[in-house]
Amino acid sequence: MTIGSGIIINITDRTIYFFKEGRLVSAFPVGIGMPSWRGMTEWRTPEGKFSITGKLKDPTWYVPLSIQKKMEMEGKPVKTVVPPGEDNPLGKLALRTSIK
């Protein structure tokens, strides 16, 4: 696959690659979903072509029901919202995409 300008997210190595005019400009680790956990697959990372629709600095993480269920099954406190900060798995920046 060749790319002129844009990004590619490699799910296997959990890295986002930014290309401009056919050259790799930068690469960063990225948080993505998991393929499965105890047979649950609700938080799999979708594959395909998408567009960036928004960028967020210091995002709030609204914990998906599937991950709340995982917390409960592991006997951990169930969180529904994680504010910006050290404990936020989204980190300091988040990208919104054209998928839900």
C-alpha atoms as a PDB file:
ATOM      1  CA  MET A   1       0.000   0.000   0.000  1.00  0.00           C
ATOM      2  CA  THR A   2       1.265   3.466  -0.818  1.00  0.00           C
ATOM      3  CA  ILE A   3      -0.037   6.700   0.611  1.00  0.00           C
ATOM      4  CA  GLY A   4       0.442  10.267  -0.557  1.00  0.00           C
ATOM      5  CA  SER A   5      -0.691  12.288   2.436  1.00  0.00           C
ATOM      6  CA  GLY A   6      -2.659  11.040   5.419  1.00  0.00           C
ATOM      7  CA  ILE A   7      -2.430   8.661   8.329  1.00  0.00           C
ATOM      8  CA  ILE A   8      -2.302   4.918   8.751  1.00  0.00           C
ATOM      9  CA  ILE A   9      -2.969   3.213  12.054  1.00  0.00           C
ATOM     10  CA  ASN A  10      -1.235  -0.133  12.366  1.00  0.00           C
ATOM     11  CA  ILE A  11      -3.386  -2.094  14.800  1.00  0.00           C
ATOM     12  CA  THR A  12      -0.770  -4.792  15.378  1.00  0.00           C
ATOM     13  CA  ASP A  13       1.997  -2.439  16.484  1.00  0.00           C
ATOM     14  CA  ARG A  14      -0.421   0.127  17.984  1.00  0.00           C
ATOM     15  CA  THR A  15       1.169   3.007  16.100  1.00  0.00           C
ATOM     16  CA  ILE A  16      -0.215   5.902  14.049  1.00  0.00           C
ATOM     17  CA  TYR A  17       1.895   6.930  11.058  1.00  0.00           C
ATOM     18  CA  PHE A  18       1.581  10.377   9.438  1.00  0.00           C
ATOM     19  CA  PHE A  19       2.573  10.711   5.781  1.00  0.00           C
ATOM     20  CA  LYS A  20       2.973  13.843   3.703  1.00  0.00           C
ATOM     21  CA  GLU A  21       3.735  13.753  -0.017  1.00  0.00           C
ATOM     22  CA  GLY A  22       4.574  10.051   0.183  1.00  0.00           C
ATOM     23  CA  ARG A  23       7.076  10.393   3.038  1.00  0.00           C
ATOM     24  CA  LEU A  24       6.742   9.330   6.650  1.00  0.00           C
ATOM     25  CA  VAL A  25       6.710  12.514   8.742  1.00  0.00           C
ATOM     26  CA  SER A  26       6.097  11.068  12.213  1.00  0.00           C
ATOM     27  CA  ALA A  27       4.860   8.080  14.148  1.00  0.00           C
ATOM     28  CA  PHE A  28       3.327   7.864  17.623  1.00  0.00           C
ATOM     29  CA  PRO A  29       1.970   5.132  19.902  1.00  0.00           C
ATOM     30  CA  VAL A  30      -1.821   5.035  19.836  1.00  0.00           C
ATOM     31  CA  GLY A  31      -4.524   3.658  22.119  1.00  0.00           C
ATOM     32  CA  ILE A  32      -6.883   1.315  20.302  1.00  0.00           C
ATOM     33  CA  GLY A  33      -9.465  -1.332  21.142  1.00  0.00           C
ATOM     34  CA  MET A  34      -8.723  -4.931  21.983  1.00  0.00           C
ATOM     35  CA  PRO A  35      -9.417  -7.925  19.703  1.00  0.00           C
ATOM     36  CA  SER A  36     -11.199  -9.814  22.504  1.00  0.00           C
ATOM     37  CA  TRP A  37     -11.213 -10.440  26.229  1.00  0.00           C
ATOM     38  CA  ARG A  38     -12.824 -13.585  27.677  1.00  0.00           C
ATOM     39  CA  GLY A  39     -14.819 -13.955  24.478  1.00  0.00           C
ATOM     40  CA  MET A  40     -16.079 -10.354  24.530  1.00  0.00           C
ATOM     41  CA  THR A  41     -15.379  -8.349  21.381  1.00  0.00           C
ATOM     42  CA  GLU A  42     -17.435  -5.185  21.923  1.00  0.00           C
ATOM     43  CA  TRP A  43     -14.408  -2.895  21.868  1.00  0.00           C
ATOM     44  CA  ARG A  44     -12.649  -4.194  18.763  1.00  0.00           C
ATOM     45  CA  THR A  45     -10.929  -1.583  16.632  1.00  0.00           C
ATOM     46  CA  PRO A  46     -12.842  -1.122  13.357  1.00  0.00           C
ATOM     47  CA  GLU A  47     -10.893  -1.384  10.125  1.00  0.00           C
ATOM     48  CA  GLY A  48     -11.296   0.582   6.912  1.00  0.00           C
ATOM     49  CA  LYS A  49     -10.943   4.078   5.503  1.00  0.00           C
ATOM     50  CA  PHE A  50     -12.042   6.909   7.789  1.00  0.00           C
ATOM     51  CA  SER A  51     -11.639  10.658   8.079  1.00  0.00           C
ATOM     52  CA  ILE A  52     -10.504  12.724  11.060  1.00  0.00           C
ATOM     53  CA  THR A  53     -13.489  14.832  12.121  1.00  0.00           C
ATOM     54  CA  GLY A  54     -12.104  16.440  15.243  1.00  0.00           C
ATOM     55  CA  LYS A  55      -9.140  16.798  17.572  1.00  0.00           C
ATOM     56  CA  LEU A  56      -9.438  17.018  21.345  1.00  0.00           C
ATOM     57  CA  LYS A  57      -6.888  18.258  23.863  1.00  0.00           C
ATOM     58  CA  ASP A  58      -7.111  16.791  27.382  1.00  0.00           C
ATOM     59  CA  PRO A  59     -10.177  14.686  26.518  1.00  0.00           C
ATOM     60  CA  THR A  60     -12.628  13.197  28.989  1.00  0.00           C
ATOM     61  CA  TRP A  61     -13.079   9.430  28.539  1.00  0.00           C
ATOM     62  CA  TYR A  62     -16.639   8.151  28.707  1.00  0.00           C
ATOM     63  CA  VAL A  63     -16.095   4.516  29.608  1.00  0.00           C
ATOM     64  CA  PRO A  64     -17.941   2.159  27.229  1.00  0.00           C
ATOM     65  CA  LEU A  65     -20.430  -0.273  28.797  1.00  0.00           C
ATOM     66  CA  SER A  66     -18.293  -3.220  27.667  1.00  0.00           C
ATOM     67  CA  ILE A  67     -15.311  -1.921  29.628  1.00  0.00           C
ATOM     68  CA  GLN A  68     -17.508  -1.141  32.632  1.00  0.00           C
ATOM     69  CA  LYS A  69     -18.592  -4.800  32.464  1.00  0.00           C
ATOM     70  CA  LYS A  70     -14.920  -5.869  32.356  1.00  0.00           C
ATOM     71  CA  MET A  71     -14.155  -3.724  35.440  1.00  0.00           C
ATOM     72  CA  GLU A  72     -17.068  -5.320  37.269  1.00  0.00           C
ATOM     73  CA  MET A  73     -16.008  -8.859  36.272  1.00  0.00           C
ATOM     74  CA  GLU A  74     -12.483  -8.147  37.549  1.00  0.00           C
ATOM     75  CA  GLY A  75     -13.822  -6.841  40.869  1.00  0.00           C
ATOM     76  CA  LYS A  76     -12.527  -3.325  40.185  1.00  0.00           C
ATOM     77  CA  PRO A  77     -14.443  -0.113  40.901  1.00  0.00           C
ATOM     78  CA  VAL A  78     -16.651   0.625  37.889  1.00  0.00           C
ATOM     79  CA  LYS A  79     -15.934   4.014  36.361  1.00  0.00           C
ATOM     80  CA  THR A  80     -18.289   5.695  33.923  1.00  0.00           C
ATOM     81  CA  VAL A  81     -16.225   8.831  33.271  1.00  0.00           C
ATOM     82  CA  VAL A  82     -12.484   9.496  33.543  1.00  0.00           C
ATOM     83  CA  PRO A  83     -11.567  13.199  33.518  1.00  0.00           C
ATOM     84  CA  PRO A  84      -8.427  14.534  31.822  1.00  0.00           C
ATOM     85  CA  GLY A  85      -5.238  13.681  33.657  1.00  0.00           C
ATOM     86  CA  GLU A  86      -2.749  10.964  34.479  1.00  0.00           C
ATOM     87  CA  ASP A  87      -5.319   8.158  34.834  1.00  0.00           C
ATOM     88  CA  ASN A  88      -7.045   8.885  31.528  1.00  0.00           C
ATOM     89  CA  PRO A  89      -6.235   6.122  28.995  1.00  0.00           C
ATOM     90  CA  LEU A  90      -6.870   8.534  26.098  1.00  0.00           C
ATOM     91  CA  GLY A  91      -3.806  10.543  27.065  1.00  0.00           C
ATOM     92  CA  LYS A  92      -3.422  14.249  26.322  1.00  0.00           C
ATOM     93  CA  LEU A  93      -4.807  14.153  22.781  1.00  0.00           C
ATOM     94  CA  ALA A  94      -7.607  12.294  21.020  1.00  0.00           C
ATOM     95  CA  LEU A  95      -8.759  12.147  17.415  1.00  0.00           C
ATOM     96  CA  ARG A  96     -12.415  11.786  16.457  1.00  0.00           C
ATOM     97  CA  THR A  97     -13.127   9.855  13.292  1.00  0.00           C
ATOM     98  CA  SER A  98     -15.975   9.557  10.840  1.00  0.00           C
ATOM     99  CA  ILE A  99     -17.010   6.256  12.460  1.00  0.00           C
ATOM    100  CA  LYS A 100     -19.142   6.088  15.596  1.00  0.00           C
END
